[in-house]
Amino acid sequence: MKCNYENHYDSIFNHGFCLVCESEEKEYKMTFKELQEKENFDDRDTAKFFNLNYMSYMNSTAKKRYQDTLLRFYEYIKNT
């Protein structure tokens, strides 16, 4: 997958495709909020999962990517 964004170069170089664009294009069956409600966890639990303190997670520019990662992982586990 080629990426037209110059600032995504590191992702393409390290992974062979653009992880940023791929996660933006992915449509999930549920939202992150729905996943939290279904599995009964909150933002503090998400921060712990990624070994971050709560405020670092909440203020992170990567917060959306963390959420997409959990959604992707959840869908993978449910489909296997």
N, C-alpha and C. Protein backbone atom coordinates (compact mmCIF):
# COMPACT_ATOMS: atom_id res chain seq x y z
N MET A 1 0.84 -1.18 0.00
CA MET A 1 0.00 0.00 0.00
C MET A 1 0.88 1.24 0.00
N LYS A 2 0.67 2.08 -0.96
CA LYS A 2 1.44 3.32 -1.02
C LYS A 2 0.71 4.40 -0.24
N CYS A 3 1.48 5.31 0.27
CA CYS A 3 0.92 6.41 1.05
C CYS A 3 1.36 7.72 0.43
N ASN A 4 0.46 8.64 0.32
CA ASN A 4 0.77 9.94 -0.27
C ASN A 4 1.23 10.96 0.75
N TYR A 5 1.23 10.58 2.02
CA TYR A 5 1.60 11.53 3.06
C TYR A 5 3.07 11.37 3.41
N GLU A 6 3.79 12.46 3.29
CA GLU A 6 5.23 12.43 3.52
C GLU A 6 5.56 12.06 4.97
N ASN A 7 4.76 12.53 5.94
CA ASN A 7 5.06 12.28 7.34
C ASN A 7 4.77 10.84 7.76
N HIS A 8 4.21 10.01 6.89
CA HIS A 8 3.97 8.61 7.19
C HIS A 8 5.11 7.73 6.71
N TYR A 9 6.18 8.34 6.24
CA TYR A 9 7.30 7.59 5.67
C TYR A 9 7.87 6.57 6.64
N ASP A 10 8.02 6.93 7.91
CA ASP A 10 8.61 6.01 8.89
C ASP A 10 7.80 4.73 9.01
N SER A 11 6.49 4.84 8.98
CA SER A 11 5.63 3.66 9.07
C SER A 11 5.84 2.76 7.86
N ILE A 12 5.93 3.35 6.68
CA ILE A 12 6.12 2.57 5.45
C ILE A 12 7.50 1.91 5.48
N PHE A 13 8.51 2.67 5.91
CA PHE A 13 9.87 2.15 5.94
C PHE A 13 9.99 0.98 6.91
N ASN A 14 9.38 1.10 8.08
CA ASN A 14 9.52 0.07 9.12
C ASN A 14 8.63 -1.15 8.89
N HIS A 15 7.50 -0.98 8.22
CA HIS A 15 6.52 -2.06 8.12
C HIS A 15 6.22 -2.51 6.69
N GLY A 16 6.66 -1.76 5.70
CA GLY A 16 6.40 -2.12 4.31
C GLY A 16 5.07 -1.59 3.80
N PHE A 17 4.27 -1.03 4.67
CA PHE A 17 3.01 -0.40 4.28
C PHE A 17 2.68 0.64 5.33
N CYS A 18 1.75 1.48 5.03
CA CYS A 18 1.44 2.60 5.92
C CYS A 18 0.40 2.17 6.96
N LEU A 19 0.84 1.99 8.20
CA LEU A 19 -0.06 1.61 9.28
C LEU A 19 -1.05 2.73 9.60
N VAL A 20 -0.63 3.96 9.44
CA VAL A 20 -1.50 5.09 9.76
C VAL A 20 -2.70 5.13 8.84
N CYS A 21 -2.45 5.07 7.54
CA CYS A 21 -3.55 5.12 6.58
C CYS A 21 -4.43 3.87 6.66
N GLU A 22 -3.80 2.72 6.89
CA GLU A 22 -4.57 1.49 6.97
C GLU A 22 -5.56 1.56 8.14
N SER A 23 -5.13 2.09 9.28
CA SER A 23 -6.03 2.16 10.42
C SER A 23 -7.12 3.21 10.19
N GLU A 24 -6.81 4.26 9.41
CA GLU A 24 -7.83 5.27 9.13
C GLU A 24 -8.89 4.74 8.17
N GLU A 25 -8.51 3.84 7.27
CA GLU A 25 -9.43 3.32 6.27
C GLU A 25 -10.29 2.18 6.81
N LYS A 26 -9.85 1.54 7.87
CA LYS A 26 -10.53 0.36 8.39
C LYS A 26 -11.88 0.74 9.00
N GLU A 27 -12.92 0.00 8.60
CA GLU A 27 -14.23 0.19 9.21
C GLU A 27 -14.48 -0.99 10.14
N TYR A 28 -14.74 -0.68 11.39
CA TYR A 28 -14.96 -1.72 12.38
C TYR A 28 -16.44 -1.97 12.55
N LYS A 29 -16.76 -3.15 13.05
CA LYS A 29 -18.15 -3.52 13.25
C LYS A 29 -18.78 -2.79 14.43
N MET A 30 -17.94 -2.30 15.33
CA MET A 30 -18.43 -1.54 16.48
C MET A 30 -17.47 -0.40 16.77
N THR A 31 -17.93 0.55 17.54
CA THR A 31 -17.06 1.66 17.94
C THR A 31 -16.29 1.25 19.19
N PHE A 32 -15.28 2.03 19.51
CA PHE A 32 -14.50 1.75 20.70
C PHE A 32 -15.37 1.90 21.94
N LYS A 33 -16.24 2.87 21.94
CA LYS A 33 -17.16 3.09 23.08
C LYS A 33 -18.06 1.87 23.27
N GLU A 34 -18.57 1.31 22.19
CA GLU A 34 -19.40 0.11 22.27
C GLU A 34 -18.61 -1.08 22.82
N LEU A 35 -17.35 -1.20 22.40
CA LEU A 35 -16.49 -2.26 22.91
C LEU A 35 -16.28 -2.10 24.41
N GLN A 36 -16.05 -0.87 24.85
CA GLN A 36 -15.86 -0.62 26.28
C GLN A 36 -17.11 -1.02 27.07
N GLU A 37 -18.26 -0.67 26.56
CA GLU A 37 -19.50 -1.00 27.26
C GLU A 37 -19.74 -2.51 27.25
N LYS A 38 -19.49 -3.17 26.15
CA LYS A 38 -19.73 -4.60 26.03
C LYS A 38 -18.80 -5.40 26.94
N GLU A 39 -17.54 -5.03 26.97
CA GLU A 39 -16.54 -5.78 27.74
C GLU A 39 -16.25 -5.17 29.11
N ASN A 40 -16.97 -4.11 29.44
CA ASN A 40 -16.90 -3.49 30.77
C ASN A 40 -15.47 -3.07 31.17
N PHE A 41 -14.88 -2.21 30.37
CA PHE A 41 -13.60 -1.60 30.73
C PHE A 41 -13.64 -0.12 30.38
N ASP A 42 -12.75 0.64 30.98
CA ASP A 42 -12.74 2.08 30.76
C ASP A 42 -11.36 2.54 30.27
N ASP A 43 -11.19 3.84 30.17
CA ASP A 43 -9.92 4.39 29.67
C ASP A 43 -8.75 4.07 30.58
N ARG A 44 -8.99 3.96 31.87
CA ARG A 44 -7.91 3.59 32.79
C ARG A 44 -7.39 2.18 32.49
N ASP A 45 -8.31 1.28 32.21
CA ASP A 45 -7.91 -0.08 31.86
C ASP A 45 -7.14 -0.11 30.53
N THR A 46 -7.57 0.70 29.59
CA THR A 46 -6.87 0.78 28.31
C THR A 46 -5.45 1.30 28.51
N ALA A 47 -5.30 2.33 29.34
CA ALA A 47 -3.97 2.87 29.63
C ALA A 47 -3.08 1.81 30.26
N LYS A 48 -3.61 1.04 31.20
CA LYS A 48 -2.83 -0.02 31.84
C LYS A 48 -2.41 -1.08 30.82
N PHE A 49 -3.30 -1.40 29.89
CA PHE A 49 -3.00 -2.41 28.88
C PHE A 49 -1.77 -2.01 28.06
N PHE A 50 -1.64 -0.73 27.76
CA PHE A 50 -0.51 -0.24 26.97
C PHE A 50 0.63 0.26 27.85
N ASN A 51 0.56 -0.04 29.15
CA ASN A 51 1.61 0.32 30.10
C ASN A 51 1.84 1.84 30.16
N LEU A 52 0.75 2.59 30.16
CA LEU A 52 0.80 4.04 30.27
C LEU A 52 0.06 4.48 31.52
N ASN A 53 0.43 5.63 32.05
CA ASN A 53 -0.42 6.15 33.12
C ASN A 53 -1.64 6.83 32.46
N TYR A 54 -2.67 7.02 33.24
CA TYR A 54 -3.95 7.47 32.71
C TYR A 54 -3.83 8.80 31.96
N MET A 55 -3.17 9.78 32.54
CA MET A 55 -3.08 11.10 31.90
C MET A 55 -2.25 11.06 30.62
N SER A 56 -1.23 10.23 30.58
CA SER A 56 -0.44 10.10 29.35
C SER A 56 -1.29 9.54 28.23
N TYR A 57 -2.11 8.55 28.56
CA TYR A 57 -3.01 7.97 27.56
C TYR A 57 -4.04 9.00 27.09
N MET A 58 -4.67 9.69 28.02
CA MET A 58 -5.73 10.63 27.67
C MET A 58 -5.21 11.80 26.82
N ASN A 59 -3.96 12.21 27.04
CA ASN A 59 -3.39 13.34 26.30
C ASN A 59 -2.56 12.91 25.10
N SER A 60 -2.49 11.62 24.86
CA SER A 60 -1.64 11.10 23.79
C SER A 60 -2.21 11.42 22.41
N THR A 61 -1.34 11.79 21.50
CA THR A 61 -1.76 11.97 20.11
C THR A 61 -2.01 10.63 19.45
N ALA A 62 -1.56 9.55 20.08
CA ALA A 62 -1.74 8.20 19.54
C ALA A 62 -2.97 7.50 20.12
N LYS A 63 -3.78 8.21 20.87
CA LYS A 63 -4.94 7.60 21.53
C LYS A 63 -5.84 6.86 20.54
N LYS A 64 -6.11 7.45 19.41
CA LYS A 64 -6.96 6.83 18.39
C LYS A 64 -6.31 5.54 17.87
N ARG A 65 -5.00 5.53 17.72
CA ARG A 65 -4.30 4.33 17.26
C ARG A 65 -4.35 3.23 18.32
N TYR A 66 -4.26 3.60 19.59
CA TYR A 66 -4.40 2.61 20.67
C TYR A 66 -5.80 1.99 20.61
N GLN A 67 -6.80 2.82 20.44
CA GLN A 67 -8.18 2.33 20.37
C GLN A 67 -8.39 1.44 19.15
N ASP A 68 -7.86 1.85 18.01
CA ASP A 68 -7.97 1.04 16.80
C ASP A 68 -7.27 -0.30 16.97
N THR A 69 -6.15 -0.30 17.67
CA THR A 69 -5.42 -1.54 17.91
C THR A 69 -6.26 -2.50 18.73
N LEU A 70 -6.90 -2.00 19.78
CA LEU A 70 -7.74 -2.87 20.60
C LEU A 70 -8.95 -3.38 19.82
N LEU A 71 -9.55 -2.51 19.00
CA LEU A 71 -10.68 -2.95 18.17
C LEU A 71 -10.24 -4.03 17.19
N ARG A 72 -9.11 -3.83 16.57
CA ARG A 72 -8.59 -4.80 15.59
C ARG A 72 -8.29 -6.14 16.28
N PHE A 73 -7.67 -6.07 17.46
CA PHE A 73 -7.35 -7.27 18.22
C PHE A 73 -8.63 -8.00 18.64
N TYR A 74 -9.61 -7.25 19.13
CA TYR A 74 -10.88 -7.84 19.56
C TYR A 74 -11.57 -8.55 18.39
N GLU A 75 -11.63 -7.92 17.25
CA GLU A 75 -12.26 -8.54 16.08
C GLU A 75 -11.50 -9.77 15.61
N TYR A 76 -10.18 -9.72 15.72
CA TYR A 76 -9.37 -10.87 15.33
C TYR A 76 -9.67 -12.06 16.26
N ILE A 77 -9.69 -11.81 17.55
CA ILE A 77 -9.95 -12.87 18.53
C ILE A 77 -11.35 -13.43 18.35
N LYS A 78 -12.34 -12.58 18.13
CA LYS A 78 -13.71 -13.04 17.96
C LYS A 78 -13.90 -13.84 16.68
N ASN A 79 -13.11 -13.58 15.66
CA ASN A 79 -13.25 -14.27 14.37
C ASN A 79 -12.42 -15.54 14.27
N THR A 80 -11.62 -15.84 15.29
CA THR A 80 -10.80 -17.06 15.23
C THR A 80 -11.35 -18.13 16.13
